[in-house]
Structure formats: structure tokens, C-alpha cells
Amino acid sequence: ADVCGLAYLKYLSGQAQLSEQQRIRAERMTMEYIQRRLRFGFMKELLAQVGKPQLLEDKTFVEYRTNPNHKVVIHYVVETPREKQCSYVAERLYPTEVGVFVKEFTLFFGERLTWFVTETMEDGTESSTPDHSLVENREEELVTGTKYAALYEMARTLEERDMRLLEQQMEQYGRRQFLVERFFSLK
């Protein structure tokens, strides 16, 4: 059952070290769940342990656990340093697994995610969580070579106002995009 497999992977994500057999099994199982769009925050740490951090490095997860029959709505806003106006979005969540509601976000350097969750019980009463906030500002440079990593590093460089480095990064990104489109286009 999925719940057993996910519990096993969550357990492995909390281990300091994995045996070779655990690493191979964790990678295979995690890949299967990701392909089925069953993705959770603990998988990021697990993928880093098995040497595949790029698979979810661009994701930030908000998870909420409650009775699966309750109506769950997440209210959130993503603020960027360059935008002056933003507004809250309200989105109904459905359980990814029994009683677990997940919303994933892609955040770039300097962006702030603020959210709270409202839950409506079967009798109609409603409760809300306090506001939570997260600012994306990893200290270490992303070196996975993915498109996300390149854009993330450009956002960091822009925030630091290093225009010479930003110009180099943009030129490198543009060259790479040109090559990808040239050699891998679907015609």
C-alpha cells in the first residue's frame, strides 16, 4: 500500500546514513511516487541523500494533516522583491494521501511565501491556522545545472546587485537555451 511505502521513505529520510540497498530502494520508490504526483517535503532530503537533489530542488511544500472528509483551503501569497503589489490566493486542497493535504510551490531567491489554512468540519464549524511565512534564501549555490538552478542564481545575483556577474549568467543561460532549442526542438 502507498501509505506503507511512503512511511518507509519518510523513515529513511530521517536516517543519517543509508546502506547501499536502502539507497537503491529509496531512489526507485521515490521516483515512482514522483511520477505518480505523490510528492511530499521529506522527499527533498531523501533525494539529496541518494544523489538526486535536482528532482525536487525547485519545490517548497506546505503540508496539512486532518480528517480527509474536511474541506481544506490554503490562502497564500508569494511576494517577490521586485513586485510592489500582490494578492492572496485561496485554493481548495484535496488529500494526496488519506488525511494529508499538500500544496507545492516553486520559489526563487528572495521570494516570500505567506500562508494560512482554513478547515471546515463536517458540522460546518471552521478553524484557521496562524499565518506562516518562509523566505527563500539558500546560502549555498545551486550547482545541479538545471534551468531552475540557473534562474535561482540569477535572482540571487540581481538581489546582490552584481550586474557584471548577472550579465555573464544571462549570457550563459541564453546560449544554453539556444542550444537546447536548436538541437532538441520538437518539429
N, C-alpha and C. Protein backbone atom coordinates (compact mmCIF):
# COMPACT_ATOMS: atom_id res chain seq x y z
N ALA A 1 0.84 -1.19 0.00
CA ALA A 1 0.00 0.00 0.00
C ALA A 1 0.88 1.25 0.00
N ASP A 2 0.40 2.29 -0.66
CA ASP A 2 1.17 3.53 -0.74
C ASP A 2 1.53 4.08 0.63
N VAL A 3 0.59 4.01 1.57
CA VAL A 3 0.85 4.60 2.88
C VAL A 3 2.04 3.90 3.55
N CYS A 4 2.19 2.61 3.36
CA CYS A 4 3.32 1.88 3.94
C CYS A 4 4.62 2.28 3.24
N GLY A 5 4.61 2.36 1.92
CA GLY A 5 5.80 2.76 1.18
C GLY A 5 6.24 4.17 1.53
N LEU A 6 5.28 5.07 1.64
CA LEU A 6 5.60 6.45 1.99
C LEU A 6 6.13 6.55 3.42
N ALA A 7 5.55 5.77 4.33
CA ALA A 7 6.04 5.76 5.71
C ALA A 7 7.49 5.26 5.75
N TYR A 8 7.79 4.25 4.98
CA TYR A 8 9.16 3.72 4.91
C TYR A 8 10.11 4.80 4.39
N LEU A 9 9.72 5.49 3.32
CA LEU A 9 10.57 6.54 2.76
C LEU A 9 10.76 7.69 3.75
N LYS A 10 9.69 8.03 4.46
CA LYS A 10 9.82 9.09 5.47
C LYS A 10 10.80 8.68 6.56
N TYR A 11 10.72 7.42 6.97
CA TYR A 11 11.66 6.89 7.96
C TYR A 11 13.10 7.02 7.44
N LEU A 12 13.32 6.60 6.19
CA LEU A 12 14.66 6.67 5.61
C LEU A 12 15.17 8.10 5.52
N SER A 13 14.27 9.05 5.25
CA SER A 13 14.69 10.45 5.11
C SER A 13 15.25 11.00 6.42
N GLY A 14 14.89 10.40 7.54
CA GLY A 14 15.39 10.85 8.83
C GLY A 14 16.66 10.16 9.28
N GLN A 15 17.14 9.21 8.50
CA GLN A 15 18.35 8.47 8.85
C GLN A 15 19.59 9.26 8.46
N ALA A 16 20.62 9.19 9.29
CA ALA A 16 21.87 9.90 9.00
C ALA A 16 22.58 9.30 7.78
N GLN A 17 22.54 7.99 7.65
CA GLN A 17 23.17 7.31 6.53
C GLN A 17 22.31 6.16 6.08
N LEU A 18 22.38 5.86 4.79
CA LEU A 18 21.63 4.74 4.23
C LEU A 18 22.60 3.69 3.71
N SER A 19 22.21 2.43 3.85
CA SER A 19 23.00 1.37 3.24
C SER A 19 22.82 1.47 1.72
N GLU A 20 23.67 0.79 0.98
CA GLU A 20 23.56 0.80 -0.47
C GLU A 20 22.21 0.26 -0.92
N GLN A 21 21.73 -0.79 -0.28
CA GLN A 21 20.44 -1.39 -0.62
C GLN A 21 19.30 -0.41 -0.32
N GLN A 22 19.36 0.26 0.84
CA GLN A 22 18.34 1.25 1.18
C GLN A 22 18.36 2.41 0.19
N ARG A 23 19.55 2.85 -0.20
CA ARG A 23 19.67 3.96 -1.13
C ARG A 23 19.04 3.61 -2.48
N ILE A 24 19.33 2.43 -2.98
CA ILE A 24 18.78 1.99 -4.27
C ILE A 24 17.27 1.86 -4.19
N ARG A 25 16.77 1.24 -3.12
CA ARG A 25 15.32 1.07 -2.97
C ARG A 25 14.64 2.43 -2.80
N ALA A 26 15.24 3.33 -2.01
CA ALA A 26 14.65 4.65 -1.78
C ALA A 26 14.57 5.44 -3.09
N GLU A 27 15.63 5.38 -3.89
CA GLU A 27 15.62 6.11 -5.16
C GLU A 27 14.53 5.57 -6.08
N ARG A 28 14.44 4.26 -6.21
CA ARG A 28 13.44 3.66 -7.09
C ARG A 28 12.02 4.00 -6.63
N MET A 29 11.77 3.83 -5.33
CA MET A 29 10.42 4.09 -4.82
C MET A 29 10.05 5.57 -4.94
N THR A 30 11.00 6.44 -4.60
CA THR A 30 10.73 7.88 -4.67
C THR A 30 10.43 8.30 -6.10
N MET A 31 11.18 7.78 -7.05
CA MET A 31 10.93 8.10 -8.46
C MET A 31 9.53 7.66 -8.88
N GLU A 32 9.10 6.48 -8.44
CA GLU A 32 7.76 6.00 -8.78
C GLU A 32 6.69 6.93 -8.20
N TYR A 33 6.86 7.34 -6.94
CA TYR A 33 5.88 8.24 -6.33
C TYR A 33 5.86 9.61 -7.01
N ILE A 34 7.03 10.13 -7.34
CA ILE A 34 7.09 11.43 -8.01
C ILE A 34 6.37 11.37 -9.35
N GLN A 35 6.59 10.31 -10.10
CA GLN A 35 5.92 10.16 -11.40
C GLN A 35 4.41 10.08 -11.23
N ARG A 36 3.95 9.56 -10.11
CA ARG A 36 2.51 9.47 -9.85
C ARG A 36 1.98 10.74 -9.16
N ARG A 37 2.82 11.76 -9.05
CA ARG A 37 2.48 13.05 -8.44
C ARG A 37 2.14 12.93 -6.96
N LEU A 38 2.73 11.94 -6.30
CA LEU A 38 2.66 11.82 -4.84
C LEU A 38 3.98 12.36 -4.30
N ARG A 39 4.00 13.67 -4.02
CA ARG A 39 5.24 14.33 -3.61
C ARG A 39 5.03 15.00 -2.27
N PHE A 40 6.05 14.83 -1.40
CA PHE A 40 5.99 15.37 -0.05
C PHE A 40 7.33 16.01 0.30
N GLY A 41 7.31 16.89 1.29
CA GLY A 41 8.51 17.61 1.69
C GLY A 41 9.67 16.72 2.09
N PHE A 42 9.41 15.62 2.77
CA PHE A 42 10.51 14.76 3.22
C PHE A 42 11.29 14.16 2.06
N MET A 43 10.68 14.12 0.88
CA MET A 43 11.36 13.53 -0.28
C MET A 43 12.56 14.36 -0.73
N LYS A 44 12.55 15.67 -0.45
CA LYS A 44 13.68 16.50 -0.84
C LYS A 44 14.95 16.05 -0.12
N GLU A 45 14.86 15.82 1.19
CA GLU A 45 16.03 15.37 1.95
C GLU A 45 16.47 13.99 1.49
N LEU A 46 15.51 13.13 1.24
CA LEU A 46 15.81 11.77 0.81
C LEU A 46 16.52 11.77 -0.55
N LEU A 47 16.05 12.58 -1.48
CA LEU A 47 16.69 12.66 -2.79
C LEU A 47 18.10 13.22 -2.70
N ALA A 48 18.32 14.13 -1.76
CA ALA A 48 19.68 14.64 -1.55
C ALA A 48 20.59 13.52 -1.06
N GLN A 49 20.07 12.65 -0.20
CA GLN A 49 20.87 11.53 0.31
C GLN A 49 21.22 10.52 -0.77
N VAL A 50 20.33 10.33 -1.74
CA VAL A 50 20.58 9.34 -2.79
C VAL A 50 21.25 9.96 -4.02
N GLY A 51 21.61 11.25 -3.94
CA GLY A 51 22.35 11.88 -5.02
C GLY A 51 21.51 12.41 -6.16
N LYS A 52 20.23 12.67 -5.92
CA LYS A 52 19.34 13.20 -6.98
C LYS A 52 18.60 14.45 -6.49
N PRO A 53 19.31 15.44 -5.91
CA PRO A 53 18.60 16.60 -5.35
C PRO A 53 17.87 17.43 -6.40
N GLN A 54 18.30 17.36 -7.65
CA GLN A 54 17.71 18.19 -8.70
C GLN A 54 16.25 17.85 -8.99
N LEU A 55 15.80 16.67 -8.58
CA LEU A 55 14.43 16.25 -8.92
C LEU A 55 13.37 17.07 -8.22
N LEU A 56 13.65 17.53 -7.01
CA LEU A 56 12.66 18.36 -6.30
C LEU A 56 13.28 19.64 -5.73
N GLU A 57 14.47 20.02 -6.20
CA GLU A 57 15.13 21.18 -5.61
C GLU A 57 14.32 22.46 -5.81
N ASP A 58 13.48 22.49 -6.81
CA ASP A 58 12.70 23.71 -7.08
C ASP A 58 11.37 23.73 -6.36
N LYS A 59 11.11 22.77 -5.50
CA LYS A 59 9.81 22.69 -4.84
C LYS A 59 9.90 23.02 -3.35
N THR A 60 8.90 23.75 -2.90
CA THR A 60 8.67 24.02 -1.48
C THR A 60 7.29 23.46 -1.18
N PHE A 61 7.18 22.69 -0.11
CA PHE A 61 5.93 22.01 0.19
C PHE A 61 5.27 22.58 1.45
N VAL A 62 3.97 22.75 1.38
CA VAL A 62 3.15 23.05 2.55
C VAL A 62 2.25 21.83 2.74
N GLU A 63 2.34 21.22 3.91
CA GLU A 63 1.54 20.03 4.19
C GLU A 63 0.62 20.30 5.38
N TYR A 64 -0.58 19.77 5.30
CA TYR A 64 -1.56 19.93 6.36
C TYR A 64 -2.23 18.58 6.56
N ARG A 65 -2.36 18.17 7.82
CA ARG A 65 -2.94 16.86 8.12
C ARG A 65 -4.22 17.04 8.93
N THR A 66 -5.27 16.35 8.47
CA THR A 66 -6.55 16.40 9.17
C THR A 66 -7.44 15.28 8.64
N ASN A 67 -8.66 15.28 9.11
CA ASN A 67 -9.66 14.32 8.64
C ASN A 67 -9.85 14.53 7.13
N PRO A 68 -9.74 13.46 6.32
CA PRO A 68 -9.86 13.63 4.87
C PRO A 68 -11.23 14.08 4.40
N ASN A 69 -12.25 14.00 5.26
CA ASN A 69 -13.59 14.44 4.89
C ASN A 69 -13.80 15.93 5.09
N HIS A 70 -12.85 16.61 5.73
CA HIS A 70 -12.99 18.04 5.97
C HIS A 70 -12.59 18.82 4.72
N LYS A 71 -13.17 20.00 4.58
CA LYS A 71 -12.83 20.89 3.47
C LYS A 71 -11.62 21.73 3.91
N VAL A 72 -10.56 21.67 3.12
CA VAL A 72 -9.33 22.38 3.46
C VAL A 72 -9.02 23.39 2.35
N VAL A 73 -8.78 24.63 2.76
CA VAL A 73 -8.46 25.70 1.82
C VAL A 73 -7.17 26.37 2.28
N ILE A 74 -6.22 26.49 1.36
CA ILE A 74 -4.99 27.22 1.67
C ILE A 74 -5.12 28.62 1.09
N HIS A 75 -4.74 29.61 1.90
CA HIS A 75 -4.74 31.02 1.49
C HIS A 75 -3.28 31.44 1.48
N TYR A 76 -2.77 31.90 0.33
CA TYR A 76 -1.35 32.21 0.26
C TYR A 76 -1.07 33.39 -0.65
N VAL A 77 0.12 33.93 -0.46
CA VAL A 77 0.63 34.99 -1.32
C VAL A 77 2.13 34.73 -1.48
N VAL A 78 2.62 34.94 -2.70
CA VAL A 78 4.05 34.86 -2.97
C VAL A 78 4.50 36.27 -3.32
N GLU A 79 5.37 36.82 -2.48
CA GLU A 79 5.88 38.17 -2.68
C GLU A 79 7.29 38.09 -3.24
N THR A 80 7.55 38.88 -4.27
CA THR A 80 8.90 38.95 -4.82
C THR A 80 9.48 40.32 -4.50
N PRO A 81 10.80 40.39 -4.37
CA PRO A 81 11.41 41.68 -4.03
C PRO A 81 11.14 42.76 -5.07
N ARG A 82 10.87 42.36 -6.31
CA ARG A 82 10.71 43.34 -7.39
C ARG A 82 9.27 43.77 -7.63
N GLU A 83 8.30 43.06 -7.09
CA GLU A 83 6.89 43.41 -7.31
C GLU A 83 6.35 44.17 -6.10
N LYS A 84 5.60 45.19 -6.38
CA LYS A 84 5.05 46.01 -5.30
C LYS A 84 3.67 45.54 -4.86
N GLN A 85 2.89 44.98 -5.78
CA GLN A 85 1.54 44.55 -5.44
C GLN A 85 1.43 43.04 -5.55
N CYS A 86 0.69 42.48 -4.63
CA CYS A 86 0.40 41.05 -4.69
C CYS A 86 -0.91 40.82 -3.92
N SER A 87 -1.54 39.71 -4.19
CA SER A 87 -2.80 39.43 -3.51
C SER A 87 -2.86 37.96 -3.10
N TYR A 88 -3.63 37.71 -2.05
CA TYR A 88 -3.80 36.35 -1.55
C TYR A 88 -4.60 35.52 -2.55
N VAL A 89 -4.26 34.27 -2.64
CA VAL A 89 -4.97 33.30 -3.45
C VAL A 89 -5.57 32.29 -2.49
N ALA A 90 -6.81 31.90 -2.72
CA ALA A 90 -7.45 30.85 -1.92
C ALA A 90 -7.66 29.66 -2.83
N GLU A 91 -7.16 28.50 -2.40
CA GLU A 91 -7.23 27.31 -3.23
C GLU A 91 -7.64 26.10 -2.38
N ARG A 92 -8.64 25.40 -2.84
CA ARG A 92 -9.09 24.21 -2.13
C ARG A 92 -8.08 23.09 -2.35
N LEU A 93 -7.76 22.39 -1.28
CA LEU A 93 -6.84 21.25 -1.35
C LEU A 93 -7.62 19.96 -1.18
N TYR A 94 -7.15 18.94 -1.82
CA TYR A 94 -7.74 17.60 -1.69
C TYR A 94 -6.65 16.67 -1.18
N PRO A 95 -7.03 15.66 -0.42
CA PRO A 95 -6.00 14.80 0.17
C PRO A 95 -5.16 14.09 -0.89
N THR A 96 -3.85 14.19 -0.74
CA THR A 96 -2.92 13.47 -1.61
C THR A 96 -2.87 12.02 -1.17
N GLU A 97 -2.84 11.82 0.10
CA GLU A 97 -2.93 10.51 0.76
C GLU A 97 -3.95 10.71 1.86
N VAL A 98 -4.43 9.67 2.47
CA VAL A 98 -5.50 9.78 3.46
C VAL A 98 -5.12 10.77 4.56
N GLY A 99 -5.84 11.87 4.62
CA GLY A 99 -5.64 12.87 5.67
C GLY A 99 -4.46 13.80 5.47
N VAL A 100 -3.75 13.71 4.35
CA VAL A 100 -2.59 14.58 4.10
C VAL A 100 -2.89 15.45 2.88
N PHE A 101 -2.90 16.74 3.10
CA PHE A 101 -3.17 17.73 2.05
C PHE A 101 -1.85 18.44 1.74
N VAL A 102 -1.48 18.52 0.48
CA VAL A 102 -0.17 19.06 0.09
C VAL A 102 -0.35 20.10 -1.01
N LYS A 103 0.37 21.20 -0.87
CA LYS A 103 0.47 22.21 -1.93
C LYS A 103 1.94 22.46 -2.16
N GLU A 104 2.36 22.39 -3.42
CA GLU A 104 3.76 22.64 -3.72
C GLU A 104 3.92 23.96 -4.45
N PHE A 105 5.04 24.63 -4.18
CA PHE A 105 5.35 25.94 -4.75
C PHE A 105 6.75 25.90 -5.34
N THR A 106 6.98 26.74 -6.33
CA THR A 106 8.32 26.97 -6.85
C THR A 106 8.70 28.39 -6.47
N LEU A 107 9.71 28.52 -5.63
CA LEU A 107 10.15 29.82 -5.15
C LEU A 107 11.57 30.09 -5.63
N PHE A 108 11.85 31.35 -5.93
CA PHE A 108 13.18 31.77 -6.31
C PHE A 108 13.78 32.61 -5.20
N PHE A 109 15.08 32.86 -5.28
CA PHE A 109 15.79 33.58 -4.24
C PHE A 109 15.10 34.91 -3.92
N GLY A 110 14.88 35.15 -2.64
CA GLY A 110 14.29 36.40 -2.18
C GLY A 110 12.77 36.41 -2.12
N GLU A 111 12.11 35.41 -2.66
CA GLU A 111 10.65 35.38 -2.62
C GLU A 111 10.17 34.91 -1.25
N ARG A 112 9.05 35.49 -0.84
CA ARG A 112 8.45 35.16 0.46
C ARG A 112 7.09 34.52 0.22
N LEU A 113 6.90 33.36 0.81
CA LEU A 113 5.61 32.68 0.79
C LEU A 113 4.97 32.86 2.16
N THR A 114 3.76 33.40 2.18
CA THR A 114 2.99 33.54 3.42
C THR A 114 1.67 32.82 3.21
N TRP A 115 1.29 31.99 4.20
CA TRP A 115 0.08 31.20 4.03
C TRP A 115 -0.58 30.91 5.37
N PHE A 116 -1.87 30.59 5.27
CA PHE A 116 -2.61 30.00 6.39
C PHE A 116 -3.64 29.07 5.79
N VAL A 117 -4.15 28.17 6.61
CA VAL A 117 -5.09 27.15 6.15
C VAL A 117 -6.38 27.28 6.92
N THR A 118 -7.51 27.19 6.23
CA THR A 118 -8.80 27.10 6.90
C THR A 118 -9.36 25.70 6.67
N GLU A 119 -9.98 25.20 7.70
CA GLU A 119 -10.55 23.86 7.66
C GLU A 119 -12.02 23.94 8.07
N THR A 120 -12.88 23.37 7.26
CA THR A 120 -14.30 23.33 7.58
C THR A 120 -14.67 21.89 7.91
N MET A 121 -15.17 21.70 9.16
CA MET A 121 -15.53 20.37 9.62
C MET A 121 -16.87 19.95 9.03
N GLU A 122 -17.20 18.69 9.23
CA GLU A 122 -18.45 18.15 8.69
C GLU A 122 -19.68 18.86 9.26
N ASP A 123 -19.59 19.39 10.48
CA ASP A 123 -20.73 20.09 11.09
C ASP A 123 -20.81 21.57 10.69
N GLY A 124 -19.86 22.02 9.83
CA GLY A 124 -19.89 23.40 9.35
C GLY A 124 -19.01 24.35 10.13
N THR A 125 -18.47 23.94 11.26
CA THR A 125 -17.59 24.84 12.00
C THR A 125 -16.26 24.97 11.25
N GLU A 126 -15.66 26.12 11.43
CA GLU A 126 -14.43 26.42 10.69
C GLU A 126 -13.32 26.83 11.65
N SER A 127 -12.11 26.42 11.33
CA SER A 127 -10.95 26.84 12.11
C SER A 127 -9.84 27.25 11.15
N SER A 128 -8.92 28.06 11.64
CA SER A 128 -7.80 28.54 10.82
C SER A 128 -6.49 28.36 11.56
N THR A 129 -5.45 28.13 10.80
CA THR A 129 -4.11 28.09 11.38
C THR A 129 -3.59 29.52 11.46
N PRO A 130 -2.59 29.77 12.27
CA PRO A 130 -1.94 31.09 12.23
C PRO A 130 -1.20 31.25 10.90
N ASP A 131 -0.85 32.49 10.57
CA ASP A 131 -0.05 32.74 9.37
C ASP A 131 1.33 32.12 9.54
N HIS A 132 1.84 31.58 8.45
CA HIS A 132 3.21 31.09 8.41
C HIS A 132 3.90 31.82 7.27
N SER A 133 5.21 31.98 7.39
CA SER A 133 5.94 32.68 6.35
C SER A 133 7.29 32.02 6.15
N LEU A 134 7.73 32.01 4.90
CA LEU A 134 9.00 31.40 4.55
C LEU A 134 9.65 32.26 3.48
N VAL A 135 10.91 32.63 3.70
CA VAL A 135 11.66 33.39 2.70
C VAL A 135 12.69 32.45 2.09
N GLU A 136 12.70 32.38 0.77
CA GLU A 136 13.66 31.52 0.08
C GLU A 136 14.99 32.25 -0.02
N ASN A 137 15.99 31.75 0.68
CA ASN A 137 17.31 32.39 0.64
C ASN A 137 18.41 31.40 1.02
N ARG A 138 18.55 30.37 0.23
CA ARG A 138 19.60 29.37 0.49
C ARG A 138 20.97 30.04 0.44
N GLU A 139 21.80 29.65 1.36
CA GLU A 139 23.16 30.19 1.42
C GLU A 139 24.04 29.58 0.33
N GLU A 140 23.90 28.27 0.14
CA GLU A 140 24.78 27.59 -0.80
C GLU A 140 24.30 27.79 -2.24
N GLU A 141 25.25 27.81 -3.15
CA GLU A 141 24.93 27.97 -4.57
C GLU A 141 24.34 26.66 -5.10
N LEU A 142 23.34 26.77 -5.94
CA LEU A 142 22.75 25.58 -6.57
C LEU A 142 23.64 25.19 -7.75
N VAL A 143 24.13 23.97 -7.73
CA VAL A 143 25.08 23.55 -8.76
C VAL A 143 24.58 22.38 -9.58
N THR A 144 23.28 22.14 -9.57
CA THR A 144 22.74 20.97 -10.27
C THR A 144 22.69 21.16 -11.78
N GLY A 145 22.84 22.39 -12.25
CA GLY A 145 22.84 22.62 -13.69
C GLY A 145 21.45 22.65 -14.31
N THR A 146 20.42 22.62 -13.50
CA THR A 146 19.07 22.65 -14.04
C THR A 146 18.69 24.09 -14.42
N LYS A 147 17.63 24.21 -15.20
CA LYS A 147 17.11 25.52 -15.58
C LYS A 147 16.73 26.32 -14.32
N TYR A 148 16.10 25.62 -13.37
CA TYR A 148 15.72 26.27 -12.12
C TYR A 148 16.95 26.82 -11.40
N ALA A 149 18.01 26.02 -11.32
CA ALA A 149 19.23 26.46 -10.62
C ALA A 149 19.80 27.72 -11.27
N ALA A 150 19.80 27.76 -12.60
CA ALA A 150 20.33 28.93 -13.31
C ALA A 150 19.48 30.17 -13.01
N LEU A 151 18.16 30.04 -13.08
CA LEU A 151 17.27 31.17 -12.79
C LEU A 151 17.38 31.61 -11.33
N TYR A 152 17.48 30.64 -10.42
CA TYR A 152 17.63 30.93 -8.99
C TYR A 152 18.89 31.75 -8.75
N GLU A 153 19.99 31.33 -9.36
CA GLU A 153 21.26 32.04 -9.16
C GLU A 153 21.21 33.43 -9.79
N MET A 154 20.51 33.59 -10.91
CA MET A 154 20.35 34.93 -11.49
C MET A 154 19.54 35.82 -10.55
N ALA A 155 18.50 35.27 -9.93
CA ALA A 155 17.70 36.06 -8.98
C ALA A 155 18.54 36.47 -7.78
N ARG A 156 19.40 35.56 -7.29
CA ARG A 156 20.30 35.89 -6.17
C ARG A 156 21.25 37.01 -6.58
N THR A 157 21.84 36.89 -7.77
CA THR A 157 22.79 37.89 -8.25
C THR A 157 22.12 39.24 -8.43
N LEU A 158 20.90 39.26 -8.93
CA LEU A 158 20.15 40.51 -9.08
C LEU A 158 19.90 41.14 -7.72
N GLU A 159 19.54 40.33 -6.74
CA GLU A 159 19.30 40.84 -5.38
C GLU A 159 20.58 41.44 -4.80
N GLU A 160 21.71 40.83 -5.11
CA GLU A 160 23.01 41.33 -4.61
C GLU A 160 23.54 42.49 -5.47
N ARG A 161 22.84 42.79 -6.55
CA ARG A 161 23.17 43.89 -7.46
C ARG A 161 24.57 43.77 -8.08
N ASP A 162 24.95 42.55 -8.40
CA ASP A 162 26.22 42.31 -9.09
C ASP A 162 25.92 42.20 -10.58
N MET A 163 25.84 43.35 -11.24
CA MET A 163 25.39 43.40 -12.63
C MET A 163 26.36 42.72 -13.59
N ARG A 164 27.64 42.76 -13.30
CA ARG A 164 28.62 42.11 -14.18
C ARG A 164 28.40 40.59 -14.16
N LEU A 165 28.25 40.01 -12.98
CA LEU A 165 28.01 38.58 -12.87
C LEU A 165 26.66 38.21 -13.46
N LEU A 166 25.65 39.05 -13.24
CA LEU A 166 24.32 38.79 -13.79
C LEU A 166 24.37 38.75 -15.32
N GLU A 167 25.11 39.67 -15.91
CA GLU A 167 25.24 39.69 -17.37
C GLU A 167 25.88 38.39 -17.87
N GLN A 168 26.90 37.91 -17.16
CA GLN A 168 27.55 36.65 -17.54
C GLN A 168 26.59 35.48 -17.42
N GLN A 169 25.84 35.46 -16.33
CA GLN A 169 24.87 34.37 -16.11
C GLN A 169 23.79 34.38 -17.18
N MET A 170 23.30 35.57 -17.52
CA MET A 170 22.25 35.68 -18.54
C MET A 170 22.77 35.24 -19.91
N GLU A 171 24.00 35.61 -20.22
CA GLU A 171 24.59 35.21 -21.50
C GLU A 171 24.74 33.69 -21.55
N GLN A 172 25.23 33.11 -20.47
CA GLN A 172 25.39 31.65 -20.39
C GLN A 172 24.03 30.96 -20.51
N TYR A 173 23.02 31.50 -19.83
CA TYR A 173 21.67 30.93 -19.88
C TYR A 173 21.10 31.02 -21.30
N GLY A 174 21.29 32.16 -21.94
CA GLY A 174 20.79 32.34 -23.31
C GLY A 174 21.45 31.38 -24.29
N ARG A 175 22.75 31.20 -24.16
CA ARG A 175 23.47 30.25 -25.03
C ARG A 175 22.93 28.84 -24.82
N ARG A 176 22.76 28.47 -23.59
CA ARG A 176 22.26 27.12 -23.28
C ARG A 176 20.86 26.91 -23.82
N GLN A 177 19.98 27.91 -23.65
CA GLN A 177 18.62 27.82 -24.18
C GLN A 177 18.63 27.70 -25.70
N PHE A 178 19.51 28.47 -26.35
CA PHE A 178 19.61 28.41 -27.80
C PHE A 178 20.00 27.00 -28.24
N LEU A 179 21.00 26.42 -27.59
CA LEU A 179 21.45 25.07 -27.95
C LEU A 179 20.37 24.03 -27.71
N VAL A 180 19.68 24.16 -26.60
CA VAL A 180 18.59 23.21 -26.30
C VAL A 180 17.51 23.30 -27.37
N GLU A 181 17.09 24.51 -27.70
CA GLU A 181 16.05 24.68 -28.71
C GLU A 181 16.52 24.25 -30.10
N ARG A 182 17.77 24.47 -30.38
CA ARG A 182 18.32 24.13 -31.70
C ARG A 182 18.42 22.62 -31.89
N PHE A 183 18.93 21.93 -30.87
CA PHE A 183 19.21 20.52 -31.03
C PHE A 183 18.12 19.58 -30.51
N PHE A 184 17.22 20.12 -29.71
CA PHE A 184 16.20 19.25 -29.12
C PHE A 184 14.78 19.74 -29.38
N SER A 185 14.58 20.50 -30.44
CA SER A 185 13.25 21.02 -30.72
C SER A 185 12.36 19.89 -31.26
N LEU A 186 11.08 20.02 -30.99
CA LEU A 186 10.10 19.05 -31.48
C LEU A 186 9.47 19.58 -32.75
N LYS A 187 10.00 19.18 -33.88
CA LYS A 187 9.47 19.67 -35.15
C LYS A 187 8.73 18.58 -35.87
